[in-house]
N, C-alpha and C. Protein backbone atom coordinates (compact mmCIF):
# COMPACT_ATOMS: atom_id res chain seq x y z
N UNK A 1 -39.74 145.83 -226.66
CA UNK A 1 -40.52 147.02 -226.25
C UNK A 1 -39.77 147.93 -225.50
N UNK A 2 -39.66 149.21 -225.82
CA UNK A 2 -39.02 150.28 -224.96
C UNK A 2 -39.63 150.49 -223.66
N UNK A 3 -38.84 150.74 -222.67
CA UNK A 3 -39.34 150.99 -221.35
C UNK A 3 -39.52 152.54 -221.14
N UNK A 4 -38.91 153.28 -222.10
CA UNK A 4 -39.00 154.79 -222.00
C UNK A 4 -40.35 155.24 -222.56
N UNK A 5 -40.80 156.32 -222.04
CA UNK A 5 -42.10 156.92 -222.34
C UNK A 5 -41.86 158.25 -222.74
N UNK A 6 -42.38 158.61 -224.05
CA UNK A 6 -42.23 160.01 -224.45
C UNK A 6 -43.32 160.78 -224.08
N UNK A 7 -43.08 162.14 -223.74
CA UNK A 7 -44.23 162.89 -223.12
C UNK A 7 -44.43 163.98 -224.10
N UNK A 8 -45.83 164.53 -224.42
CA UNK A 8 -45.88 165.29 -225.38
C UNK A 8 -45.92 166.74 -224.67
N UNK A 9 -46.18 167.78 -225.33
CA UNK A 9 -46.20 169.22 -224.75
C UNK A 9 -47.10 169.48 -223.75
N UNK A 10 -48.30 168.57 -223.85
CA UNK A 10 -49.27 168.77 -222.92
C UNK A 10 -49.00 167.80 -221.56
N UNK A 11 -47.95 167.17 -221.57
CA UNK A 11 -47.48 166.38 -220.40
C UNK A 11 -48.24 165.01 -220.34
N UNK A 12 -48.69 164.50 -221.48
CA UNK A 12 -49.26 163.26 -221.55
C UNK A 12 -48.34 162.19 -222.28
N UNK A 13 -48.29 160.93 -221.91
CA UNK A 13 -47.47 160.03 -222.61
C UNK A 13 -47.86 159.94 -224.06
N UNK A 14 -47.00 159.48 -225.00
CA UNK A 14 -47.09 159.23 -226.32
C UNK A 14 -46.79 157.90 -226.74
N UNK A 15 -47.58 157.16 -227.47
CA UNK A 15 -47.39 155.90 -228.02
C UNK A 15 -47.28 154.86 -226.84
N UNK A 16 -48.13 155.13 -225.70
CA UNK A 16 -47.97 154.26 -224.53
C UNK A 16 -48.59 153.00 -224.63
N UNK A 17 -47.89 151.92 -224.40
CA UNK A 17 -48.41 150.50 -224.43
C UNK A 17 -47.55 149.69 -223.31
N UNK A 18 -48.08 149.62 -222.13
CA UNK A 18 -47.72 148.83 -220.97
C UNK A 18 -46.46 149.31 -220.23
N UNK A 19 -45.75 150.38 -220.69
CA UNK A 19 -44.49 150.70 -220.04
C UNK A 19 -44.61 150.84 -218.64
N UNK A 20 -45.67 151.57 -218.13
CA UNK A 20 -45.92 151.73 -216.60
C UNK A 20 -47.19 152.18 -216.46
N UNK A 21 -48.23 151.31 -216.20
CA UNK A 21 -49.44 151.56 -216.04
C UNK A 21 -49.64 152.65 -214.91
N UNK A 22 -49.02 152.49 -213.81
CA UNK A 22 -49.08 153.49 -212.60
C UNK A 22 -48.67 154.99 -213.18
N UNK A 23 -47.77 154.93 -213.99
CA UNK A 23 -47.29 156.29 -214.50
C UNK A 23 -48.19 156.88 -215.44
N UNK A 24 -48.79 156.08 -216.46
CA UNK A 24 -49.78 156.50 -217.34
C UNK A 24 -51.01 156.91 -216.56
N UNK A 25 -51.48 156.13 -215.71
CA UNK A 25 -52.65 156.49 -215.00
C UNK A 25 -52.57 157.81 -214.14
N UNK A 26 -51.51 158.01 -213.58
CA UNK A 26 -51.09 159.13 -212.84
C UNK A 26 -51.25 160.40 -213.77
N UNK A 27 -50.66 160.31 -214.89
CA UNK A 27 -50.54 161.35 -215.84
C UNK A 27 -51.91 161.70 -216.37
N UNK A 28 -52.56 160.70 -216.61
CA UNK A 28 -53.98 160.75 -217.23
C UNK A 28 -54.95 161.48 -216.28
N UNK A 29 -54.81 160.97 -214.91
CA UNK A 29 -55.65 161.61 -213.84
C UNK A 29 -55.28 163.14 -213.70
N UNK A 30 -54.09 163.54 -213.83
CA UNK A 30 -53.80 164.94 -213.79
C UNK A 30 -54.35 165.67 -215.02
N UNK A 31 -54.37 165.11 -216.17
CA UNK A 31 -54.80 165.65 -217.42
C UNK A 31 -56.40 165.67 -217.25
N UNK A 32 -57.08 164.69 -216.78
CA UNK A 32 -58.60 164.68 -216.52
C UNK A 32 -58.92 165.86 -215.58
N UNK A 33 -58.15 165.94 -214.48
CA UNK A 33 -58.44 167.07 -213.57
C UNK A 33 -58.11 168.41 -214.30
N UNK A 34 -57.12 168.59 -214.94
CA UNK A 34 -56.89 169.79 -215.62
C UNK A 34 -58.06 170.22 -216.54
N UNK A 35 -58.55 169.31 -217.17
CA UNK A 35 -59.73 169.60 -218.08
C UNK A 35 -61.15 169.51 -217.39
N UNK A 36 -61.22 169.33 -216.22
CA UNK A 36 -62.31 169.11 -215.32
C UNK A 36 -63.21 168.01 -215.57
N UNK A 37 -62.76 166.90 -216.11
CA UNK A 37 -63.61 165.83 -216.52
C UNK A 37 -63.25 164.60 -215.67
N UNK A 38 -62.47 164.72 -214.59
CA UNK A 38 -62.01 163.40 -213.83
C UNK A 38 -63.31 162.69 -213.25
N UNK A 39 -64.25 163.29 -212.82
CA UNK A 39 -65.51 162.65 -212.15
C UNK A 39 -66.24 161.98 -213.14
N UNK A 40 -66.26 162.46 -214.51
CA UNK A 40 -66.93 161.80 -215.67
C UNK A 40 -66.06 160.47 -216.03
N UNK A 41 -64.77 160.63 -216.10
CA UNK A 41 -63.91 159.60 -216.58
C UNK A 41 -64.02 158.57 -215.71
N UNK A 42 -63.97 158.77 -214.30
CA UNK A 42 -64.02 157.65 -213.34
C UNK A 42 -65.45 157.25 -212.96
N UNK A 43 -66.48 157.73 -213.64
CA UNK A 43 -67.86 157.32 -213.34
C UNK A 43 -68.42 157.69 -212.24
N UNK A 44 -67.88 158.80 -211.51
CA UNK A 44 -68.55 159.22 -210.35
C UNK A 44 -69.58 160.27 -210.69
N UNK A 45 -69.49 160.77 -211.92
CA UNK A 45 -70.70 161.57 -212.40
C UNK A 45 -71.07 160.94 -213.75
N UNK A 46 -72.41 161.02 -214.02
CA UNK A 46 -73.03 160.53 -215.11
C UNK A 46 -73.80 161.50 -215.94
N UNK A 47 -74.44 161.14 -216.96
CA UNK A 47 -75.24 162.04 -217.94
C UNK A 47 -76.17 162.94 -217.22
N UNK A 48 -76.63 162.32 -215.93
CA UNK A 48 -77.63 163.22 -215.14
C UNK A 48 -76.95 164.23 -214.54
N UNK A 49 -75.68 164.26 -214.40
CA UNK A 49 -74.87 165.33 -213.68
C UNK A 49 -74.58 166.40 -214.69
N UNK A 50 -74.64 166.21 -215.94
CA UNK A 50 -74.25 167.16 -216.93
C UNK A 50 -75.43 168.15 -217.19
N UNK A 51 -75.09 169.23 -217.89
CA UNK A 51 -76.20 170.28 -218.00
C UNK A 51 -77.33 169.74 -218.88
N UNK A 52 -76.85 168.89 -219.95
CA UNK A 52 -77.76 168.35 -220.89
C UNK A 52 -77.06 167.16 -221.71
N UNK A 53 -77.86 166.49 -222.51
CA UNK A 53 -77.20 165.36 -223.31
C UNK A 53 -75.87 165.93 -224.22
N UNK A 54 -76.12 166.99 -224.78
CA UNK A 54 -75.06 167.59 -225.58
C UNK A 54 -73.72 167.92 -224.81
N UNK A 55 -73.91 168.42 -223.56
CA UNK A 55 -72.80 168.69 -222.73
C UNK A 55 -72.10 167.38 -222.34
N UNK A 56 -72.90 166.40 -221.92
CA UNK A 56 -72.42 165.06 -221.60
C UNK A 56 -71.56 164.50 -222.89
N UNK A 57 -72.23 164.51 -223.96
CA UNK A 57 -71.61 164.12 -225.33
C UNK A 57 -70.14 164.71 -225.42
N UNK A 58 -70.19 166.00 -225.22
CA UNK A 58 -68.90 166.66 -225.47
C UNK A 58 -67.73 166.36 -224.34
N UNK A 59 -68.30 166.22 -223.16
CA UNK A 59 -67.33 165.73 -222.09
C UNK A 59 -66.75 164.33 -222.33
N UNK A 60 -67.74 163.46 -222.91
CA UNK A 60 -67.18 162.06 -223.21
C UNK A 60 -66.29 162.05 -224.46
N UNK A 61 -66.56 163.03 -225.46
CA UNK A 61 -65.63 163.04 -226.63
C UNK A 61 -64.32 163.60 -226.15
N UNK A 62 -64.29 164.53 -225.17
CA UNK A 62 -63.03 164.95 -224.67
C UNK A 62 -62.26 163.87 -223.92
N UNK A 63 -62.81 163.07 -223.14
CA UNK A 63 -62.23 162.02 -222.46
C UNK A 63 -61.85 161.01 -223.63
N UNK A 64 -62.49 160.71 -224.46
CA UNK A 64 -62.00 159.63 -225.48
C UNK A 64 -60.78 160.14 -226.05
N UNK A 65 -60.82 161.45 -226.49
CA UNK A 65 -59.64 161.95 -227.29
C UNK A 65 -58.31 161.97 -226.32
N UNK A 66 -58.63 162.32 -225.05
CA UNK A 66 -57.46 162.32 -224.14
C UNK A 66 -56.91 160.88 -223.81
N UNK A 67 -57.87 159.95 -223.82
CA UNK A 67 -57.46 158.53 -223.55
C UNK A 67 -56.60 157.93 -224.91
N UNK A 68 -57.37 158.28 -226.00
CA UNK A 68 -56.83 157.66 -227.21
C UNK A 68 -55.53 158.17 -227.68
N UNK A 69 -55.32 159.48 -227.49
CA UNK A 69 -54.09 160.16 -228.22
C UNK A 69 -52.81 159.52 -227.68
N UNK A 70 -52.60 159.35 -226.36
CA UNK A 70 -51.27 158.81 -225.93
C UNK A 70 -51.07 157.26 -226.25
N UNK A 71 -52.08 156.68 -226.66
CA UNK A 71 -51.91 155.06 -226.79
C UNK A 71 -51.21 154.68 -228.10
N UNK A 72 -50.59 153.48 -228.13
CA UNK A 72 -50.00 152.88 -229.24
C UNK A 72 -51.32 152.55 -230.19
N UNK A 73 -51.05 152.47 -231.45
CA UNK A 73 -52.12 152.11 -232.33
C UNK A 73 -52.73 150.60 -232.02
N UNK A 74 -51.90 149.85 -231.59
CA UNK A 74 -52.42 148.44 -231.29
C UNK A 74 -53.34 148.59 -230.09
N UNK A 75 -53.01 149.23 -229.11
CA UNK A 75 -53.86 149.43 -227.80
C UNK A 75 -55.03 150.17 -228.08
N UNK A 76 -54.83 151.38 -228.93
CA UNK A 76 -56.01 152.26 -229.30
C UNK A 76 -56.98 151.46 -230.01
N UNK A 77 -56.69 150.44 -230.83
CA UNK A 77 -57.74 149.66 -231.49
C UNK A 77 -58.55 148.83 -230.63
N UNK A 78 -57.92 148.31 -229.52
CA UNK A 78 -58.69 147.50 -228.44
C UNK A 78 -59.59 148.48 -227.70
N UNK A 79 -59.09 149.67 -227.36
CA UNK A 79 -59.82 150.49 -226.52
C UNK A 79 -61.01 151.22 -227.09
N UNK A 80 -60.72 151.46 -228.49
CA UNK A 80 -61.90 152.23 -229.19
C UNK A 80 -63.09 151.42 -229.40
N UNK A 81 -63.03 150.20 -228.99
CA UNK A 81 -64.34 149.35 -229.14
C UNK A 81 -65.32 149.78 -228.08
N UNK A 82 -64.97 150.53 -227.15
CA UNK A 82 -65.81 151.08 -226.03
C UNK A 82 -66.53 152.31 -226.53
N UNK A 83 -67.84 152.48 -226.19
CA UNK A 83 -68.61 153.59 -226.65
C UNK A 83 -68.21 154.91 -226.08
N UNK A 84 -68.00 154.96 -224.73
CA UNK A 84 -67.94 156.28 -224.14
C UNK A 84 -66.45 156.37 -223.63
N UNK A 85 -66.04 157.56 -223.17
CA UNK A 85 -64.69 157.70 -222.59
C UNK A 85 -64.65 157.04 -221.20
N UNK A 86 -65.76 157.16 -220.52
CA UNK A 86 -65.85 156.39 -219.20
C UNK A 86 -65.64 154.97 -219.43
N UNK A 87 -66.17 154.30 -220.38
CA UNK A 87 -66.11 152.89 -220.65
C UNK A 87 -64.57 152.64 -221.08
N UNK A 88 -64.03 153.46 -221.76
CA UNK A 88 -62.62 153.25 -222.21
C UNK A 88 -61.73 153.27 -221.04
N UNK A 89 -61.87 154.25 -220.13
CA UNK A 89 -61.12 154.32 -218.98
C UNK A 89 -61.21 153.03 -218.03
N UNK A 90 -62.50 152.62 -217.95
CA UNK A 90 -62.73 151.54 -217.03
C UNK A 90 -62.16 150.21 -217.73
N UNK A 91 -62.20 150.13 -219.12
CA UNK A 91 -61.49 148.95 -219.77
C UNK A 91 -60.02 148.99 -219.42
N UNK A 92 -59.38 150.10 -219.58
CA UNK A 92 -57.93 150.17 -219.25
C UNK A 92 -57.69 149.90 -217.78
N UNK A 93 -58.53 150.29 -216.78
CA UNK A 93 -58.25 150.09 -215.43
C UNK A 93 -58.41 148.73 -215.16
N UNK A 94 -59.61 148.01 -215.70
CA UNK A 94 -59.71 146.65 -215.54
C UNK A 94 -58.69 145.73 -216.03
N UNK A 95 -58.19 145.99 -217.18
CA UNK A 95 -57.27 145.35 -217.90
C UNK A 95 -55.86 145.39 -217.20
N UNK A 96 -55.45 146.65 -216.88
CA UNK A 96 -54.09 146.74 -216.46
C UNK A 96 -53.96 146.52 -214.85
N UNK A 97 -55.02 146.68 -214.16
CA UNK A 97 -55.08 146.33 -212.83
C UNK A 97 -55.56 144.90 -212.55
N UNK A 98 -55.72 144.10 -213.56
CA UNK A 98 -56.13 142.71 -213.51
C UNK A 98 -57.51 142.51 -212.85
N UNK A 99 -58.47 143.41 -213.04
CA UNK A 99 -59.84 143.20 -212.39
C UNK A 99 -60.73 142.32 -213.14
N UNK A 100 -60.59 142.13 -214.34
CA UNK A 100 -61.51 141.22 -215.22
C UNK A 100 -61.14 139.83 -215.32
N UNK A 101 -59.91 139.65 -215.41
CA UNK A 101 -59.36 138.36 -215.75
C UNK A 101 -58.31 137.82 -214.75
N UNK A 102 -58.55 136.83 -213.95
CA UNK A 102 -57.68 136.52 -212.90
C UNK A 102 -56.37 135.85 -213.58
N UNK A 103 -56.42 135.13 -214.70
CA UNK A 103 -55.35 134.59 -215.29
C UNK A 103 -54.38 135.63 -216.07
N UNK A 104 -55.10 136.66 -216.54
CA UNK A 104 -54.19 137.81 -217.07
C UNK A 104 -53.56 138.50 -215.91
N UNK A 105 -54.25 138.71 -214.79
CA UNK A 105 -53.55 139.36 -213.60
C UNK A 105 -52.35 138.55 -213.07
N UNK A 106 -52.56 137.24 -213.04
CA UNK A 106 -51.62 136.38 -212.54
C UNK A 106 -50.24 136.41 -213.52
N UNK A 107 -50.66 136.32 -214.72
CA UNK A 107 -49.62 136.42 -215.81
C UNK A 107 -48.84 137.69 -215.71
N UNK A 108 -49.47 138.85 -215.54
CA UNK A 108 -48.80 140.15 -215.44
C UNK A 108 -47.99 140.19 -214.15
N UNK A 109 -48.49 139.46 -213.03
CA UNK A 109 -47.64 139.51 -211.81
C UNK A 109 -46.42 138.72 -211.95
N UNK A 110 -46.53 137.56 -212.60
CA UNK A 110 -45.34 136.62 -212.97
C UNK A 110 -44.29 137.31 -213.79
N UNK A 111 -44.80 137.95 -214.73
CA UNK A 111 -43.83 138.65 -215.79
C UNK A 111 -43.17 139.85 -215.02
N UNK A 112 -43.92 140.68 -214.31
CA UNK A 112 -43.20 141.64 -213.49
C UNK A 112 -42.25 141.20 -212.39
N UNK A 113 -42.80 140.10 -211.67
CA UNK A 113 -41.85 139.65 -210.53
C UNK A 113 -40.64 139.09 -211.19
N UNK A 114 -40.73 138.38 -212.35
CA UNK A 114 -39.52 137.83 -213.07
C UNK A 114 -38.53 139.00 -213.51
N UNK A 115 -39.24 140.02 -214.00
CA UNK A 115 -38.46 141.08 -214.48
C UNK A 115 -37.52 141.79 -213.32
N UNK A 116 -38.35 141.84 -212.10
CA UNK A 116 -37.75 142.33 -211.01
C UNK A 116 -36.58 141.47 -210.37
N UNK A 117 -36.87 140.16 -210.36
CA UNK A 117 -35.85 139.24 -209.93
C UNK A 117 -34.69 139.14 -210.76
N UNK A 118 -34.79 139.32 -212.04
CA UNK A 118 -33.66 139.14 -212.93
C UNK A 118 -32.87 140.39 -213.33
N UNK A 119 -33.55 141.46 -212.95
CA UNK A 119 -32.85 142.81 -213.23
C UNK A 119 -31.52 142.93 -212.67
N UNK A 120 -30.50 143.17 -213.46
CA UNK A 120 -29.06 143.26 -213.11
C UNK A 120 -28.52 144.53 -213.51
N UNK A 121 -27.74 145.25 -212.69
CA UNK A 121 -27.11 146.52 -213.27
C UNK A 121 -25.93 146.07 -214.07
N UNK A 122 -25.82 146.37 -215.32
CA UNK A 122 -24.70 146.03 -216.18
C UNK A 122 -23.51 147.01 -215.83
N UNK A 123 -22.41 146.56 -216.19
CA UNK A 123 -21.20 147.36 -215.94
C UNK A 123 -21.30 148.86 -216.42
N UNK A 124 -21.90 149.01 -217.67
CA UNK A 124 -21.86 150.20 -218.26
C UNK A 124 -23.26 151.05 -217.93
N UNK A 125 -24.13 150.44 -217.26
CA UNK A 125 -25.29 150.99 -216.89
C UNK A 125 -25.35 152.00 -215.82
N UNK A 126 -26.12 153.12 -215.86
CA UNK A 126 -26.35 154.10 -214.77
C UNK A 126 -27.01 153.33 -213.58
N UNK A 127 -26.44 153.32 -212.40
CA UNK A 127 -26.94 152.65 -211.25
C UNK A 127 -28.25 153.36 -210.87
N UNK A 128 -28.32 154.59 -210.86
CA UNK A 128 -29.61 155.33 -210.51
C UNK A 128 -30.68 154.95 -211.41
N UNK A 129 -30.53 154.71 -212.70
CA UNK A 129 -31.47 154.29 -213.66
C UNK A 129 -31.98 152.95 -213.40
N UNK A 130 -30.96 152.12 -213.04
CA UNK A 130 -31.24 150.67 -212.69
C UNK A 130 -32.19 150.61 -211.47
N UNK A 131 -31.88 151.28 -210.50
CA UNK A 131 -32.72 151.31 -209.20
C UNK A 131 -34.06 151.89 -209.58
N UNK A 132 -34.15 152.92 -210.36
CA UNK A 132 -35.39 153.49 -210.83
C UNK A 132 -36.26 152.48 -211.54
N UNK A 133 -35.61 151.67 -212.39
CA UNK A 133 -36.22 150.67 -213.12
C UNK A 133 -36.86 149.60 -212.22
N UNK A 134 -36.13 149.22 -211.24
CA UNK A 134 -36.57 148.14 -210.16
C UNK A 134 -37.71 148.80 -209.42
N UNK A 135 -37.79 150.08 -208.96
CA UNK A 135 -38.81 150.65 -208.27
C UNK A 135 -40.09 150.65 -209.23
N UNK A 136 -39.89 150.96 -210.53
CA UNK A 136 -41.04 150.88 -211.43
C UNK A 136 -41.65 149.55 -211.56
N UNK A 137 -40.93 148.44 -211.48
CA UNK A 137 -41.47 147.17 -211.37
C UNK A 137 -42.29 146.94 -210.11
N UNK A 138 -41.69 147.33 -209.06
CA UNK A 138 -42.21 147.31 -207.68
C UNK A 138 -43.69 147.89 -207.73
N UNK A 139 -43.74 149.28 -208.26
CA UNK A 139 -44.79 149.95 -208.22
C UNK A 139 -45.85 149.37 -209.08
N UNK A 140 -45.52 148.85 -210.14
CA UNK A 140 -46.49 148.16 -211.11
C UNK A 140 -46.95 146.83 -210.45
N UNK A 141 -46.33 146.19 -209.72
CA UNK A 141 -46.72 145.09 -208.95
C UNK A 141 -47.76 145.49 -207.82
N UNK A 142 -47.34 146.60 -207.16
CA UNK A 142 -48.31 147.16 -206.19
C UNK A 142 -49.69 147.58 -206.94
N UNK A 143 -49.75 148.09 -208.06
CA UNK A 143 -50.92 148.28 -208.74
C UNK A 143 -51.91 147.13 -209.01
N UNK A 144 -51.14 145.92 -209.04
CA UNK A 144 -51.89 144.66 -209.28
C UNK A 144 -52.23 144.13 -207.81
N UNK A 145 -51.94 144.78 -206.78
CA UNK A 145 -52.14 144.28 -205.41
C UNK A 145 -51.17 143.05 -205.19
N UNK A 146 -50.11 143.17 -205.67
CA UNK A 146 -49.19 141.99 -205.61
C UNK A 146 -47.81 142.76 -205.23
N UNK A 147 -47.84 143.59 -204.05
CA UNK A 147 -46.69 144.42 -203.75
C UNK A 147 -45.75 143.37 -203.09
N UNK A 148 -44.38 143.68 -203.38
CA UNK A 148 -43.24 143.01 -202.86
C UNK A 148 -42.95 143.53 -201.46
N UNK A 149 -42.70 142.78 -200.53
CA UNK A 149 -42.43 143.19 -199.14
C UNK A 149 -41.06 143.84 -199.19
N UNK A 150 -40.82 144.81 -198.29
CA UNK A 150 -39.59 145.59 -198.24
C UNK A 150 -38.34 144.63 -198.08
N UNK A 151 -38.36 143.80 -197.10
CA UNK A 151 -37.08 142.97 -196.91
C UNK A 151 -36.78 142.14 -198.33
N UNK A 152 -37.69 141.68 -198.95
CA UNK A 152 -37.54 140.86 -200.22
C UNK A 152 -36.96 141.85 -201.39
N UNK A 153 -37.60 143.04 -201.29
CA UNK A 153 -37.08 144.07 -202.27
C UNK A 153 -35.72 144.55 -202.11
N UNK A 154 -35.32 144.71 -200.80
CA UNK A 154 -34.05 145.20 -200.56
C UNK A 154 -33.04 144.15 -200.84
N UNK A 155 -33.26 142.89 -200.63
CA UNK A 155 -32.48 141.75 -200.97
C UNK A 155 -32.27 141.78 -202.50
N UNK A 156 -33.31 142.16 -203.39
CA UNK A 156 -33.23 142.13 -204.74
C UNK A 156 -32.27 143.32 -205.31
N UNK A 157 -32.36 144.42 -204.42
CA UNK A 157 -31.47 145.60 -204.73
C UNK A 157 -29.98 145.34 -204.51
N UNK A 158 -29.73 144.51 -203.56
CA UNK A 158 -28.29 144.20 -203.15
C UNK A 158 -27.59 143.51 -204.10
C-alpha cells in the first residue's frame, strides 16, 4: 500500500485508506468547516438545530458525499453501511482512533510502533522525506493515545 496521498482540486485526499488518519481527519475537518457542516458532522448539532427535516437531510447528504468521495472503494463500502453522514464520521473516528475495539487499537499501535522502530533511511532515500515519514508514524500513534516519548523518538531518529 502506498504511503502517498493524492489530493484533488478541492484539497481533499483521493483514494484514502489508512495512509495517515491524522492527515485525512485534518483535511476533512477543514472541508467540513468550509462547507459549514462541521457541527453536524461531529454531532454537536442535530436535526433539531436545522431549519427543517429537508435542510437536515441536505446537510447529511453533503457530509456523506464529502466523506465517501476521498475513500478507497474498499473502505467506502464499509463506511456506507451507516445511515447518516454523522454516523459515517463517527464510524471512521471510532475505528481509526481505536475507540470501539481495544484489540484493533492495540494491533494498530503495534503495527505503527514496529514501522517506526524498523524505519531506516536507505542510501538513495531523501533524508528529509525519511524524517517526515517517521514523524507521520509518531503522529498516528499520538492519535491512538500511544504517543512515543521524545527521548525514545530521538533515539529512533539517530
